[in-house]
Every structure is written in C-alpha cells, then in structure tokens.
C-alpha cells in the first residue's frame, strides 16, 4: 500500500513539474513540506543555483515565529519572508512548483504569502 501511494505521488510530481522551469528573472519557487516545518526556495534552473530560501525552522530559531502559531499561518510568514528576500534581489515574478503536494493548506498559504509580499505567481 505504501509503495502505491509513493508511485502516485511521484507521477503527480512529474506531471506538475514537467513544464516548470525557472530563470534568473523568473525563478522557480520549490516547496518542501515536512510534518513539522515548511521550506521554500527560489531556484534558477538555467545555472542550477538557489537565489533565496526561507523556512519555518530558521524563522522559529530567529524568534520571528512564535511556537503557538498555527502551521498555515507559519507558511504565510515563510512566504512573506521569501517575497521580501526576492524583492531585495529585484525579482517581481516567479513560477510556483508545488511538487507532489496538493495546492491546499500550508502550500496554498505559502503562495498567498508570496502574493501578499508582491511577487506575481
């Protein structure tokens, strides 16, 4: 049963990520979601470089997120933080790569935070 779900996830990832490619002007925002934390990074696929990254783990350690904040609210804060870093790099647009995750909950909250920060997805 576990292998079937894994294969289904991998097929979804290939389907979603097949046509997504990031450039320096319009990087790919890649999302990784664990049970406890959320990670996002802006990637230039032409050079294979990470331009900026943000995570709820780092924000918690830096005391920017309180421990009593809900995970979806954390995701929005991570999106706002990443948007701020991208604005410093003069990046206005990005491509959102949700990977094998559904666009729901924390992943959607991250995208919403990016949009509120001024990044066009």
PDB file of N, CA and C in Angstrom:
ATOM      1  N   UNK A   1       0.825  -1.202   0.000  1.00  0.00           N
ATOM      2  CA  UNK A   1       0.000   0.000   0.000  1.00  0.00           C
ATOM      3  C   UNK A   1       0.862   1.255   0.000  1.00  0.00           C
ATOM      4  N   UNK A   2       1.936   1.227   0.794  1.00  0.00           N
ATOM      5  CA  UNK A   2       2.806   2.395   0.891  1.00  0.00           C
ATOM      6  C   UNK A   2       3.480   2.684  -0.440  1.00  0.00           C
ATOM      7  N   UNK A   3       3.870   1.634  -1.164  1.00  0.00           N
ATOM      8  CA  UNK A   3       4.550   1.805  -2.443  1.00  0.00           C
ATOM      9  C   UNK A   3       3.609   2.380  -3.502  1.00  0.00           C
ATOM     10  N   UNK A   4       2.326   2.004  -3.445  1.00  0.00           N
ATOM     11  CA  UNK A   4       1.353   2.523  -4.399  1.00  0.00           C
ATOM     12  C   UNK A   4       1.187   4.023  -4.211  1.00  0.00           C
ATOM     13  N   UNK A   5       1.079   4.469  -2.965  1.00  0.00           N
ATOM     14  CA  UNK A   5       0.943   5.894  -2.694  1.00  0.00           C
ATOM     15  C   UNK A   5       2.191   6.648  -3.120  1.00  0.00           C
ATOM     16  N   UNK A   6       3.360   6.077  -2.900  1.00  0.00           N
ATOM     17  CA  UNK A   6       4.610   6.711  -3.296  1.00  0.00           C
ATOM     18  C   UNK A   6       4.673   6.885  -4.812  1.00  0.00           C
ATOM     19  N   UNK A   7       4.275   5.834  -5.544  1.00  0.00           N
ATOM     20  CA  UNK A   7       4.282   5.921  -7.001  1.00  0.00           C
ATOM     21  C   UNK A   7       3.286   6.961  -7.491  1.00  0.00           C
ATOM     22  N   UNK A   8       2.142   7.058  -6.845  1.00  0.00           N
ATOM     23  CA  UNK A   8       1.134   8.045  -7.222  1.00  0.00           C
ATOM     24  C   UNK A   8       1.680   9.453  -7.012  1.00  0.00           C
ATOM     25  N   UNK A   9       2.380   9.654  -5.899  1.00  0.00           N
ATOM     26  CA  UNK A   9       2.978  10.951  -5.624  1.00  0.00           C
ATOM     27  C   UNK A   9       4.047  11.306  -6.649  1.00  0.00           C
ATOM     28  N   UNK A  10       4.877  10.343  -7.000  1.00  0.00           N
ATOM     29  CA  UNK A  10       5.934  10.592  -7.970  1.00  0.00           C
ATOM     30  C   UNK A  10       5.360  10.922  -9.343  1.00  0.00           C
ATOM     31  N   UNK A  11       4.288  10.227  -9.737  1.00  0.00           N
ATOM     32  CA  UNK A  11       3.642  10.541 -11.017  1.00  0.00           C
ATOM     33  C   UNK A  11       3.080  11.956 -10.991  1.00  0.00           C
ATOM     34  N   UNK A  12       2.480  12.357  -9.857  1.00  0.00           N
ATOM     35  CA  UNK A  12       1.948  13.715  -9.735  1.00  0.00           C
ATOM     36  C   UNK A  12       3.071  14.738  -9.826  1.00  0.00           C
ATOM     37  N   UNK A  13       4.202  14.463  -9.169  1.00  0.00           N
ATOM     38  CA  UNK A  13       5.335  15.389  -9.212  1.00  0.00           C
ATOM     39  C   UNK A  13       5.846  15.558 -10.639  1.00  0.00           C
ATOM     40  N   UNK A  14       5.981  14.462 -11.366  1.00  0.00           N
ATOM     41  CA  UNK A  14       6.448  14.537 -12.748  1.00  0.00           C
ATOM     42  C   UNK A  14       5.472  15.314 -13.624  1.00  0.00           C
ATOM     43  N   UNK A  15       4.178  15.107 -13.393  1.00  0.00           N
ATOM     44  CA  UNK A  15       3.165  15.798 -14.181  1.00  0.00           C
ATOM     45  C   UNK A  15       3.173  17.299 -13.896  1.00  0.00           C
ATOM     46  N   UNK A  16       3.280  17.658 -12.619  1.00  0.00           N
ATOM     47  CA  UNK A  16       3.230  19.066 -12.228  1.00  0.00           C
ATOM     48  C   UNK A  16       4.510  19.788 -12.620  1.00  0.00           C
ATOM     49  N   UNK A  17       5.655  19.158 -12.393  1.00  0.00           N
ATOM     50  CA  UNK A  17       6.941  19.823 -12.585  1.00  0.00           C
ATOM     51  C   UNK A  17       7.491  19.731 -14.004  1.00  0.00           C
ATOM     52  N   UNK A  18       6.823  18.998 -14.890  1.00  0.00           N
ATOM     53  CA  UNK A  18       7.361  18.768 -16.224  1.00  0.00           C
ATOM     54  C   UNK A  18       7.530  20.062 -17.014  1.00  0.00           C
ATOM     55  N   UNK A  19       6.595  20.993 -16.897  1.00  0.00           N
ATOM     56  CA  UNK A  19       6.625  22.206 -17.700  1.00  0.00           C
ATOM     57  C   UNK A  19       7.064  23.431 -16.909  1.00  0.00           C
ATOM     58  N   UNK A  20       7.588  23.236 -15.724  1.00  0.00           N
ATOM     59  CA  UNK A  20       8.004  24.359 -14.887  1.00  0.00           C
ATOM     60  C   UNK A  20       9.515  24.480 -14.951  1.00  0.00           C
ATOM     61  N   UNK A  21       9.981  25.676 -15.333  1.00  0.00           N
ATOM     62  CA  UNK A  21      11.411  25.924 -15.449  1.00  0.00           C
ATOM     63  C   UNK A  21      11.680  27.342 -14.972  1.00  0.00           C
ATOM     64  N   UNK A  22      12.654  27.507 -14.097  1.00  0.00           N
ATOM     65  CA  UNK A  22      12.945  28.816 -13.546  1.00  0.00           C
ATOM     66  C   UNK A  22      14.139  29.477 -14.203  1.00  0.00           C
ATOM     67  N   UNK A  23      14.075  30.790 -14.346  1.00  0.00           N
ATOM     68  CA  UNK A  23      15.187  31.572 -14.865  1.00  0.00           C
ATOM     69  C   UNK A  23      15.602  32.579 -13.792  1.00  0.00           C
ATOM     70  N   UNK A  24      16.624  33.359 -14.076  1.00  0.00           N
ATOM     71  CA  UNK A  24      17.072  34.344 -13.099  1.00  0.00           C
ATOM     72  C   UNK A  24      16.020  35.434 -12.895  1.00  0.00           C
ATOM     73  N   UNK A  25      15.342  35.837 -13.974  1.00  0.00           N
ATOM     74  CA  UNK A  25      14.320  36.872 -13.880  1.00  0.00           C
ATOM     75  C   UNK A  25      13.025  36.326 -13.287  1.00  0.00           C
ATOM     76  N   UNK A  26      12.748  35.053 -13.527  1.00  0.00           N
ATOM     77  CA  UNK A  26      11.519  34.422 -13.041  1.00  0.00           C
ATOM     78  C   UNK A  26      11.868  33.043 -12.467  1.00  0.00           C
ATOM     79  N   UNK A  27      12.326  33.005 -11.200  1.00  0.00           N
ATOM     80  CA  UNK A  27      12.782  31.735 -10.625  1.00  0.00           C
ATOM     81  C   UNK A  27      11.623  30.800 -10.280  1.00  0.00           C
ATOM     82  N   UNK A  28      11.982  29.550 -10.112  1.00  0.00           N
ATOM     83  CA  UNK A  28      11.019  28.528  -9.696  1.00  0.00           C
ATOM     84  C   UNK A  28      11.008  28.485  -8.174  1.00  0.00           C
ATOM     85  N   UNK A  29       9.833  28.599  -7.573  1.00  0.00           N
ATOM     86  CA  UNK A  29       9.685  28.504  -6.118  1.00  0.00           C
ATOM     87  C   UNK A  29       9.357  27.055  -5.796  1.00  0.00           C
ATOM     88  N   UNK A  30      10.310  26.365  -5.208  1.00  0.00           N
ATOM     89  CA  UNK A  30      10.144  24.961  -4.858  1.00  0.00           C
ATOM     90  C   UNK A  30       9.736  24.846  -3.393  1.00  0.00           C
ATOM     91  N   UNK A  31       8.798  23.951  -3.111  1.00  0.00           N
ATOM     92  CA  UNK A  31       8.252  23.805  -1.759  1.00  0.00           C
ATOM     93  C   UNK A  31       8.561  22.408  -1.237  1.00  0.00           C
ATOM     94  N   UNK A  32       9.012  22.333   0.006  1.00  0.00           N
ATOM     95  CA  UNK A  32       9.124  21.059   0.710  1.00  0.00           C
ATOM     96  C   UNK A  32       8.392  21.191   2.027  1.00  0.00           C
ATOM     97  N   UNK A  33       7.545  20.226   2.302  1.00  0.00           N
ATOM     98  CA  UNK A  33       6.720  20.266   3.495  1.00  0.00           C
ATOM     99  C   UNK A  33       6.991  19.013   4.326  1.00  0.00           C
ATOM    100  N   UNK A  34       7.469  19.203   5.539  1.00  0.00           N
ATOM    101  CA  UNK A  34       7.597  18.071   6.451  1.00  0.00           C
ATOM    102  C   UNK A  34       6.436  18.142   7.433  1.00  0.00           C
ATOM    103  N   UNK A  35       6.382  17.212   8.345  1.00  0.00           N
ATOM    104  CA  UNK A  35       5.286  17.245   9.318  1.00  0.00           C
ATOM    105  C   UNK A  35       5.392  18.449  10.244  1.00  0.00           C
ATOM    106  N   UNK A  36       6.595  18.911  10.493  1.00  0.00           N
ATOM    107  CA  UNK A  36       6.800  19.980  11.465  1.00  0.00           C
ATOM    108  C   UNK A  36       7.111  21.334  10.832  1.00  0.00           C
ATOM    109  N   UNK A  37       7.876  21.345   9.731  1.00  0.00           N
ATOM    110  CA  UNK A  37       8.348  22.598   9.156  1.00  0.00           C
ATOM    111  C   UNK A  37       7.982  22.701   7.682  1.00  0.00           C
ATOM    112  N   UNK A  38       8.174  23.900   7.140  1.00  0.00           N
ATOM    113  CA  UNK A  38       7.940  24.159   5.731  1.00  0.00           C
ATOM    114  C   UNK A  38       9.154  24.892   5.174  1.00  0.00           C
ATOM    115  N   UNK A  39       9.624  24.469   4.017  1.00  0.00           N
ATOM    116  CA  UNK A  39      10.800  25.056   3.390  1.00  0.00           C
ATOM    117  C   UNK A  39      10.430  25.519   1.984  1.00  0.00           C
ATOM    118  N   UNK A  40      10.952  26.663   1.574  1.00  0.00           N
ATOM    119  CA  UNK A  40      10.726  27.163   0.216  1.00  0.00           C
ATOM    120  C   UNK A  40      12.016  27.792  -0.279  1.00  0.00           C
ATOM    121  N   UNK A  41      12.295  27.606  -1.561  1.00  0.00           N
ATOM    122  CA  UNK A  41      13.486  28.215  -2.133  1.00  0.00           C
ATOM    123  C   UNK A  41      13.214  28.636  -3.570  1.00  0.00           C
ATOM    124  N   UNK A  42      13.859  29.723  -3.962  1.00  0.00           N
ATOM    125  CA  UNK A  42      13.774  30.241  -5.326  1.00  0.00           C
ATOM    126  C   UNK A  42      14.991  29.739  -6.087  1.00  0.00           C
ATOM    127  N   UNK A  43      14.747  29.032  -7.199  1.00  0.00           N
ATOM    128  CA  UNK A  43      15.816  28.352  -7.919  1.00  0.00           C
ATOM    129  C   UNK A  43      15.905  28.871  -9.351  1.00  0.00           C
ATOM    130  N   UNK A  44      17.125  29.155  -9.781  1.00  0.00           N
ATOM    131  CA  UNK A  44      17.428  29.469 -11.173  1.00  0.00           C
ATOM    132  C   UNK A  44      17.861  28.158 -11.827  1.00  0.00           C
ATOM    133  N   UNK A  45      16.985  27.571 -12.642  1.00  0.00           N
ATOM    134  CA  UNK A  45      17.276  26.266 -13.245  1.00  0.00           C
ATOM    135  C   UNK A  45      18.295  26.342 -14.371  1.00  0.00           C
ATOM    136  N   UNK A  46      18.500  27.514 -14.953  1.00  0.00           N
ATOM    137  CA  UNK A  46      19.491  27.635 -16.018  1.00  0.00           C
ATOM    138  C   UNK A  46      20.895  27.389 -15.478  1.00  0.00           C
ATOM    139  N   UNK A  47      21.192  27.951 -14.319  1.00  0.00           N
ATOM    140  CA  UNK A  47      22.511  27.775 -13.706  1.00  0.00           C
ATOM    141  C   UNK A  47      22.504  26.714 -12.605  1.00  0.00           C
ATOM    142  N   UNK A  48      21.316  26.349 -12.130  1.00  0.00           N
ATOM    143  CA  UNK A  48      21.227  25.376 -11.048  1.00  0.00           C
ATOM    144  C   UNK A  48      21.579  25.972  -9.702  1.00  0.00           C
ATOM    145  N   UNK A  49      21.254  27.254  -9.505  1.00  0.00           N
ATOM    146  CA  UNK A  49      21.578  27.955  -8.270  1.00  0.00           C
ATOM    147  C   UNK A  49      20.315  28.291  -7.496  1.00  0.00           C
ATOM    148  N   UNK A  50      20.436  28.277  -6.182  1.00  0.00           N
ATOM    149  CA  UNK A  50      19.363  28.756  -5.324  1.00  0.00           C
ATOM    150  C   UNK A  50      19.588  30.239  -5.077  1.00  0.00           C
ATOM    151  N   UNK A  51      18.610  31.052  -5.444  1.00  0.00           N
ATOM    152  CA  UNK A  51      18.729  32.500  -5.304  1.00  0.00           C
ATOM    153  C   UNK A  51      18.380  32.970  -3.897  1.00  0.00           C
ATOM    154  N   UNK A  52      17.332  32.394  -3.313  1.00  0.00           N
ATOM    155  CA  UNK A  52      16.907  32.768  -1.967  1.00  0.00           C
ATOM    156  C   UNK A  52      16.141  31.599  -1.371  1.00  0.00           C
ATOM    157  N   UNK A  53      16.134  31.523  -0.054  1.00  0.00           N
ATOM    158  CA  UNK A  53      15.384  30.461   0.603  1.00  0.00           C
ATOM    159  C   UNK A  53      14.842  30.957   1.930  1.00  0.00           C
ATOM    160  N   UNK A  54      13.820  30.268   2.398  1.00  0.00           N
ATOM    161  CA  UNK A  54      13.216  30.596   3.676  1.00  0.00           C
ATOM    162  C   UNK A  54      12.589  29.326   4.236  1.00  0.00           C
ATOM    163  N   UNK A  55      12.553  29.224   5.555  1.00  0.00           N
ATOM    164  CA  UNK A  55      11.926  28.060   6.168  1.00  0.00           C
ATOM    165  C   UNK A  55      11.366  28.431   7.529  1.00  0.00           C
ATOM    166  N   UNK A  56      10.373  27.674   7.935  1.00  0.00           N
ATOM    167  CA  UNK A  56       9.783  27.919   9.244  1.00  0.00           C
ATOM    168  C   UNK A  56      10.758  27.522  10.353  1.00  0.00           C
ATOM    169  N   UNK A  57      11.660  26.588  10.084  1.00  0.00           N
ATOM    170  CA  UNK A  57      12.668  26.189  11.062  1.00  0.00           C
ATOM    171  C   UNK A  57      13.582  27.361  11.397  1.00  0.00           C
ATOM    172  N   UNK A  58      14.113  28.028  10.381  1.00  0.00           N
ATOM    173  CA  UNK A  58      15.014  29.164  10.593  1.00  0.00           C
ATOM    174  C   UNK A  58      14.272  30.325  11.245  1.00  0.00           C
ATOM    175  N   UNK A  59      13.045  30.571  10.796  1.00  0.00           N
ATOM    176  CA  UNK A  59      12.274  31.679  11.365  1.00  0.00           C
ATOM    177  C   UNK A  59      11.927  31.430  12.831  1.00  0.00           C
ATOM    178  N   UNK A  60      11.703  30.173  13.179  1.00  0.00           N
ATOM    179  CA  UNK A  60      11.459  29.852  14.597  1.00  0.00           C
ATOM    180  C   UNK A  60      12.717  30.073  15.434  1.00  0.00           C
ATOM    181  N   UNK A  61      13.861  29.654  14.884  1.00  0.00           N
ATOM    182  CA  UNK A  61      15.115  29.834  15.626  1.00  0.00           C
ATOM    183  C   UNK A  61      15.448  31.304  15.806  1.00  0.00           C
ATOM    184  N   UNK A  62      15.089  32.134  14.810  1.00  0.00           N
ATOM    185  CA  UNK A  62      15.342  33.566  14.897  1.00  0.00           C
ATOM    186  C   UNK A  62      14.241  34.310  15.638  1.00  0.00           C
ATOM    187  N   UNK A  63      13.315  33.579  16.218  1.00  0.00           N
ATOM    188  CA  UNK A  63      12.219  34.136  17.033  1.00  0.00           C
ATOM    189  C   UNK A  63      11.268  35.020  16.222  1.00  0.00           C
ATOM    190  N   UNK A  64      11.193  34.814  14.911  1.00  0.00           N
ATOM    191  CA  UNK A  64      10.235  35.561  14.095  1.00  0.00           C
ATOM    192  C   UNK A  64       8.873  34.887  14.080  1.00  0.00           C
ATOM    193  N   UNK A  65       8.845  33.612  14.481  1.00  0.00           N
ATOM    194  CA  UNK A  65       7.593  32.864  14.581  1.00  0.00           C
ATOM    195  C   UNK A  65       7.482  32.335  16.002  1.00  0.00           C
ATOM    196  N   UNK A  66       6.336  32.579  16.601  1.00  0.00           N
ATOM    197  CA  UNK A  66       6.070  32.070  17.940  1.00  0.00           C
ATOM    198  C   UNK A  66       5.697  30.591  17.851  1.00  0.00           C
ATOM    199  N   UNK A  67       5.939  29.838  18.903  1.00  0.00           N
ATOM    200  CA  UNK A  67       5.648  28.402  18.885  1.00  0.00           C
ATOM    201  C   UNK A  67       4.152  28.110  18.874  1.00  0.00           C
ATOM    202  N   UNK A  68       3.339  29.074  19.249  1.00  0.00           N
ATOM    203  CA  UNK A  68       1.897  28.844  19.332  1.00  0.00           C
ATOM    204  C   UNK A  68       1.163  29.193  18.044  1.00  0.00           C
ATOM    205  N   UNK A  69       1.893  29.563  16.995  1.00  0.00           N
ATOM    206  CA  UNK A  69       1.288  29.929  15.720  1.00  0.00           C
ATOM    207  C   UNK A  69       0.909  28.659  14.963  1.00  0.00           C
ATOM    208  N   UNK A  70      -0.254  28.681  14.303  1.00  0.00           N
ATOM    209  CA  UNK A  70      -0.688  27.527  13.513  1.00  0.00           C
ATOM    210  C   UNK A  70       0.220  27.337  12.301  1.00  0.00           C
ATOM    211  N   UNK A  71       0.266  26.105  11.795  1.00  0.00           N
ATOM    212  CA  UNK A  71       1.163  25.786  10.683  1.00  0.00           C
ATOM    213  C   UNK A  71       0.810  26.561   9.416  1.00  0.00           C
ATOM    214  N   UNK A  72      -0.473  26.784   9.151  1.00  0.00           N
ATOM    215  CA  UNK A  72      -0.840  27.538   7.956  1.00  0.00           C
ATOM    216  C   UNK A  72      -0.418  28.996   8.081  1.00  0.00           C
ATOM    217  N   UNK A  73      -0.496  29.549   9.287  1.00  0.00           N
ATOM    218  CA  UNK A  73      -0.029  30.917   9.500  1.00  0.00           C
ATOM    219  C   UNK A  73       1.493  30.995   9.377  1.00  0.00           C
ATOM    220  N   UNK A  74       2.179  29.954   9.835  1.00  0.00           N
ATOM    221  CA  UNK A  74       3.634  29.870   9.663  1.00  0.00           C
ATOM    222  C   UNK A  74       3.993  29.892   8.183  1.00  0.00           C
ATOM    223  N   UNK A  75       3.234  29.138   7.390  1.00  0.00           N
ATOM    224  CA  UNK A  75       3.511  29.054   5.952  1.00  0.00           C
ATOM    225  C   UNK A  75       3.358  30.420   5.299  1.00  0.00           C
ATOM    226  N   UNK A  76       2.367  31.176   5.723  1.00  0.00           N
ATOM    227  CA  UNK A  76       2.169  32.516   5.167  1.00  0.00           C
ATOM    228  C   UNK A  76       3.344  33.424   5.528  1.00  0.00           C
ATOM    229  N   UNK A  77       3.846  33.304   6.751  1.00  0.00           N
ATOM    230  CA  UNK A  77       5.001  34.095   7.186  1.00  0.00           C
ATOM    231  C   UNK A  77       6.241  33.716   6.379  1.00  0.00           C
ATOM    232  N   UNK A  78       6.407  32.427   6.102  1.00  0.00           N
ATOM    233  CA  UNK A  78       7.532  31.967   5.281  1.00  0.00           C
ATOM    234  C   UNK A  78       7.427  32.566   3.881  1.00  0.00           C
ATOM    235  N   UNK A  79       6.213  32.598   3.321  1.00  0.00           N
ATOM    236  CA  UNK A  79       6.004  33.198   2.003  1.00  0.00           C
ATOM    237  C   UNK A  79       6.329  34.683   1.995  1.00  0.00           C
ATOM    238  N   UNK A  80       5.922  35.389   3.035  1.00  0.00           N
ATOM    239  CA  UNK A  80       6.228  36.821   3.131  1.00  0.00           C
ATOM    240  C   UNK A  80       7.737  37.053   3.251  1.00  0.00           C
ATOM    241  N   UNK A  81       8.416  36.201   4.029  1.00  0.00           N
ATOM    242  CA  UNK A  81       9.863  36.325   4.203  1.00  0.00           C
ATOM    243  C   UNK A  81      10.591  36.076   2.877  1.00  0.00           C
ATOM    244  N   UNK A  82      10.175  35.048   2.151  1.00  0.00           N
ATOM    245  CA  UNK A  82      10.802  34.756   0.866  1.00  0.00           C
ATOM    246  C   UNK A  82      10.526  35.877  -0.144  1.00  0.00           C
ATOM    247  N   UNK A  83       9.328  36.427  -0.111  1.00  0.00           N
ATOM    248  CA  UNK A  83       8.997  37.542  -1.003  1.00  0.00           C
ATOM    249  C   UNK A  83       9.879  38.754  -0.707  1.00  0.00           C
ATOM    250  N   UNK A  84      10.129  39.009   0.563  1.00  0.00           N
ATOM    251  CA  UNK A  84      10.999  40.125   0.951  1.00  0.00           C
ATOM    252  C   UNK A  84      12.420  39.919   0.416  1.00  0.00           C
ATOM    253  N   UNK A  85      12.922  38.678   0.522  1.00  0.00           N
ATOM    254  CA  UNK A  85      14.265  38.380   0.013  1.00  0.00           C
ATOM    255  C   UNK A  85      14.335  38.508  -1.498  1.00  0.00           C
ATOM    256  N   UNK A  86      13.260  38.099  -2.186  1.00  0.00           N
ATOM    257  CA  UNK A  86      13.238  38.215  -3.641  1.00  0.00           C
ATOM    258  C   UNK A  86      13.143  39.671  -4.077  1.00  0.00           C
ATOM    259  N   UNK A  87      12.430  40.482  -3.313  1.00  0.00           N
ATOM    260  CA  UNK A  87      12.330  41.909  -3.631  1.00  0.00           C
ATOM    261  C   UNK A  87      13.698  42.578  -3.534  1.00  0.00           C
ATOM    262  N   UNK A  88      14.516  42.153  -2.563  1.00  0.00           N
ATOM    263  CA  UNK A  88      15.867  42.698  -2.435  1.00  0.00           C
ATOM    264  C   UNK A  88      16.719  42.345  -3.650  1.00  0.00           C
ATOM    265  N   UNK A  89      16.424  41.214  -4.275  1.00  0.00           N
ATOM    266  CA  UNK A  89      17.139  40.795  -5.488  1.00  0.00           C
ATOM    267  C   UNK A  89      16.500  41.367  -6.752  1.00  0.00           C
ATOM    268  N   UNK A  90      15.489  42.224  -6.585  1.00  0.00           N
ATOM    269  CA  UNK A  90      14.755  42.863  -7.684  1.00  0.00           C
ATOM    270  C   UNK A  90      14.041  41.850  -8.567  1.00  0.00           C
ATOM    271  N   UNK A  91      13.447  40.847  -7.939  1.00  0.00           N
ATOM    272  CA  UNK A  91      12.668  39.837  -8.657  1.00  0.00           C
ATOM    273  C   UNK A  91      11.194  40.098  -8.361  1.00  0.00           C
ATOM    274  N   UNK A  92      10.407  40.261  -9.418  1.00  0.00           N
ATOM    275  CA  UNK A  92       8.989  40.592  -9.289  1.00  0.00           C
ATOM    276  C   UNK A  92       8.081  39.395  -9.582  1.00  0.00           C
ATOM    277  N   UNK A  93       8.543  38.474 -10.446  1.00  0.00           N
ATOM    278  CA  UNK A  93       7.723  37.346 -10.876  1.00  0.00           C
ATOM    279  C   UNK A  93       8.415  36.035 -10.542  1.00  0.00           C
ATOM    280  N   UNK A  94       7.619  34.994 -10.361  1.00  0.00           N
ATOM    281  CA  UNK A  94       8.162  33.672 -10.086  1.00  0.00           C
ATOM    282  C   UNK A  94       7.194  32.608 -10.599  1.00  0.00           C
ATOM    283  N   UNK A  95       7.692  31.380 -10.688  1.00  0.00           N
ATOM    284  CA  UNK A  95       6.883  30.232 -11.065  1.00  0.00           C
ATOM    285  C   UNK A  95       6.772  29.352  -9.832  1.00  0.00           C
ATOM    286  N   UNK A  96       5.566  28.944  -9.484  1.00  0.00           N
ATOM    287  CA  UNK A  96       5.341  28.178  -8.258  1.00  0.00           C
ATOM    288  C   UNK A  96       5.336  26.689  -8.580  1.00  0.00           C
ATOM    289  N   UNK A  97       6.242  25.945  -7.961  1.00  0.00           N
ATOM    290  CA  UNK A  97       6.337  24.494  -8.134  1.00  0.00           C
ATOM    291  C   UNK A  97       5.941  23.831  -6.823  1.00  0.00           C
ATOM    292  N   UNK A  98       4.730  23.295  -6.782  1.00  0.00           N
ATOM    293  CA  UNK A  98       4.232  22.680  -5.551  1.00  0.00           C
ATOM    294  C   UNK A  98       4.712  21.248  -5.377  1.00  0.00           C
ATOM    295  N   UNK A  99       5.392  20.725  -6.392  1.00  0.00           N
ATOM    296  CA  UNK A  99       5.913  19.367  -6.296  1.00  0.00           C
ATOM    297  C   UNK A  99       4.786  18.362  -6.285  1.00  0.00           C
ATOM    298  N   UNK A 100       4.824  17.410  -5.373  1.00  0.00           N
ATOM    299  CA  UNK A 100       3.770  16.399  -5.325  1.00  0.00           C
ATOM    300  C   UNK A 100       2.693  16.736  -4.298  1.00  0.00           C
ATOM    301  N   UNK A 101       2.754  17.940  -3.739  1.00  0.00           N
ATOM    302  CA  UNK A 101       1.760  18.349  -2.754  1.00  0.00           C
ATOM    303  C   UNK A 101       0.550  18.970  -3.451  1.00  0.00           C
ATOM    304  N   UNK A 102      -0.620  18.756  -2.865  1.00  0.00           N
ATOM    305  CA  UNK A 102      -1.831  19.396  -3.370  1.00  0.00           C
ATOM    306  C   UNK A 102      -1.780  20.877  -3.035  1.00  0.00           C
ATOM    307  N   UNK A 103      -2.371  21.702  -3.886  1.00  0.00           N
ATOM    308  CA  UNK A 103      -2.429  23.139  -3.633  1.00  0.00           C
ATOM    309  C   UNK A 103      -3.548  23.370  -2.620  1.00  0.00           C
ATOM    310  N   UNK A 104      -3.202  23.183  -1.341  1.00  0.00           N
ATOM    311  CA  UNK A 104      -4.187  23.232  -0.276  1.00  0.00           C
ATOM    312  C   UNK A 104      -3.451  23.437   1.032  1.00  0.00           C
ATOM    313  N   UNK A 105      -4.057  24.090   1.981  1.00  0.00           N
ATOM    314  CA  UNK A 105      -3.485  24.217   3.309  1.00  0.00           C
ATOM    315  C   UNK A 105      -2.217  25.036   3.344  1.00  0.00           C
ATOM    316  N   UNK A 106      -1.134  24.421   3.842  1.00  0.00           N
ATOM    317  CA  UNK A 106       0.130  25.140   4.013  1.00  0.00           C
ATOM    318  C   UNK A 106       0.750  25.578   2.692  1.00  0.00           C
ATOM    319  N   UNK A 107       0.618  24.762   1.659  1.00  0.00           N
ATOM    320  CA  UNK A 107       1.193  25.107   0.357  1.00  0.00           C
ATOM    321  C   UNK A 107       0.464  26.318  -0.229  1.00  0.00           C
ATOM    322  N   UNK A 108      -0.852  26.340  -0.122  1.00  0.00           N
ATOM    323  CA  UNK A 108      -1.630  27.480  -0.610  1.00  0.00           C
ATOM    324  C   UNK A 108      -1.345  28.727   0.217  1.00  0.00           C
ATOM    325  N   UNK A 109      -1.158  28.566   1.527  1.00  0.00           N
ATOM    326  CA  UNK A 109      -0.853  29.703   2.398  1.00  0.00           C
ATOM    327  C   UNK A 109       0.514  30.302   2.046  1.00  0.00           C
ATOM    328  N   UNK A 110       1.469  29.452   1.702  1.00  0.00           N
ATOM    329  CA  UNK A 110       2.783  29.942   1.274  1.00  0.00           C
ATOM    330  C   UNK A 110       2.658  30.787   0.005  1.00  0.00           C
ATOM    331  N   UNK A 111       1.893  30.294  -0.967  1.00  0.00           N
ATOM    332  CA  UNK A 111       1.690  31.043  -2.214  1.00  0.00           C
ATOM    333  C   UNK A 111       0.974  32.364  -1.939  1.00  0.00           C
ATOM    334  N   UNK A 112       0.024  32.339  -1.037  1.00  0.00           N
ATOM    335  CA  UNK A 112      -0.697  33.560  -0.671  1.00  0.00           C
ATOM    336  C   UNK A 112       0.246  34.576  -0.022  1.00  0.00           C
ATOM    337  N   UNK A 113       1.146  34.104   0.817  1.00  0.00           N
ATOM    338  CA  UNK A 113       2.138  34.984   1.438  1.00  0.00           C
ATOM    339  C   UNK A 113       3.070  35.601   0.414  1.00  0.00           C
ATOM    340  N   UNK A 114       3.456  34.817  -0.590  1.00  0.00           N
ATOM    341  CA  UNK A 114       4.290  35.360  -1.673  1.00  0.00           C
ATOM    342  C   UNK A 114       3.555  36.459  -2.434  1.00  0.00           C
ATOM    343  N   UNK A 115       2.278  36.205  -2.717  1.00  0.00           N
ATOM    344  CA  UNK A 115       1.493  37.218  -3.437  1.00  0.00           C
ATOM    345  C   UNK A 115       1.316  38.484  -2.614  1.00  0.00           C
ATOM    346  N   UNK A 116       1.070  38.316  -1.316  1.00  0.00           N
ATOM    347  CA  UNK A 116       0.929  39.494  -0.445  1.00  0.00           C
ATOM    348  C   UNK A 116       2.241  40.276  -0.349  1.00  0.00           C
ATOM    349  N   UNK A 117       3.355  39.572  -0.490  1.00  0.00           N
ATOM    350  CA  UNK A 117       4.660  40.219  -0.459  1.00  0.00           C
ATOM    351  C   UNK A 117       5.003  40.925  -1.761  1.00  0.00           C
ATOM    352  N   UNK A 118       4.160  40.762  -2.788  1.00  0.00           N
ATOM    353  CA  UNK A 118       4.376  41.493  -4.032  1.00  0.00           C
ATOM    354  C   UNK A 118       4.977  40.672  -5.160  1.00  0.00           C
ATOM    355  N   UNK A 119       5.040  39.364  -5.011  1.00  0.00           N
ATOM    356  CA  UNK A 119       5.582  38.510  -6.062  1.00  0.00           C
ATOM    357  C   UNK A 119       4.410  37.972  -6.888  1.00  0.00           C
ATOM    358  N   UNK A 120       4.510  38.101  -8.205  1.00  0.00           N
ATOM    359  CA  UNK A 120       3.468  37.589  -9.086  1.00  0.00           C
ATOM    360  C   UNK A 120       3.769  36.148  -9.424  1.00  0.00           C
ATOM    361  N   UNK A 121       2.833  35.287  -9.074  1.00  0.00           N
ATOM    362  CA  UNK A 121       2.990  33.851  -9.350  1.00  0.00           C
ATOM    363  C   UNK A 121       2.054  33.467 -10.474  1.00  0.00           C
TER     364      UNK A 121
END
